[in-house]
């Protein structure tokens, strides 16, 4: 099976859709409604309120929407990867890994602010990859900052991704103070516009819901969360180690993008600790970049039999956690 996903054939998208239905089938027959744990942002609250007026609190609708979003994110992420040739040839392995790893935990398949932020982060990531080739990047960094500000209105702790932007600017470009200031102005702009809108419409009482952030260091006791964390970190570390040799043969831009991806993983893993109420569901933000390194594990294992064994062991773990745990 791995050799089909290793290929960049566009027909692999159909196989990826079938694979999505396979690994997400349990969640579709046991659907959940949207996430509302008190950590969501104002825009997410308003969006969910509007959606419930249209379809009600239909678990099947929200779960199907979440699965569809995960599938689309996998395709968009693969398009970015193949466009910048981060692998020697076009491949759908990162998309397969993203769908497989997000199936390890039920909360990663629930409609949540994190899924909406992931969509925005795909645009942020593709914009970050452009920083190296731009003579002047003021418009790009402002747009990235603006996008992160919008993501903060869906899930406020995601503004911590501004550290990813600043670190990527250090990696991709020479330091220019003007660009850093413009990036921070872009980050503040959506919050300012939302505050202005609430003031003009007499809804200032909603303003307090925007800075919805806290700090927590929880004791995680759920073995499913530990299993998903250990598996993800294991593939991340192995993928990073296997990357060292081919990294030397890549163009400078490719090496810098991989370096930015490592920062992406680290920041995404820290973001959930700034929730008002800690939830492992928000670690789905880290699964997206981790799937790149997991894809590199399968890419680096040239023996198809061994690669399939690794895949089926991981798939078996997912099925056991879904149906028999």
Foldseek 3Di string as FASTA:
>chain_A
DLVLQFDQPPCVLVVLVVLLCVLCVLCLVVFAFADDDQQWFDVQVVVVVVVCVVVNRDRNVQLVVLSVLLSVLLVLLLVLCQVQCLDVHRGSQLSSQLSLLCLLDSLLRGHALLSVLSVLVSVLLSLLLCLQVDPDCLVSLLVSLLSQLVSLNGGVLSVLCVVLVVVSCVLRHDDDVNSNVSNPVSNCVVLVVVCVVCVVVVNNVSNVRRNQWAAADDDDDDVSLVVSVVVLVVLLVVLVVLVVVVLVVDDSSSVSSVVSLVVQLVSQVCSQRTGPDRDSSSSSSNSSSSSVSNSSVLVSPPPPVVSVVVVVVSNVSSVCSSPPD
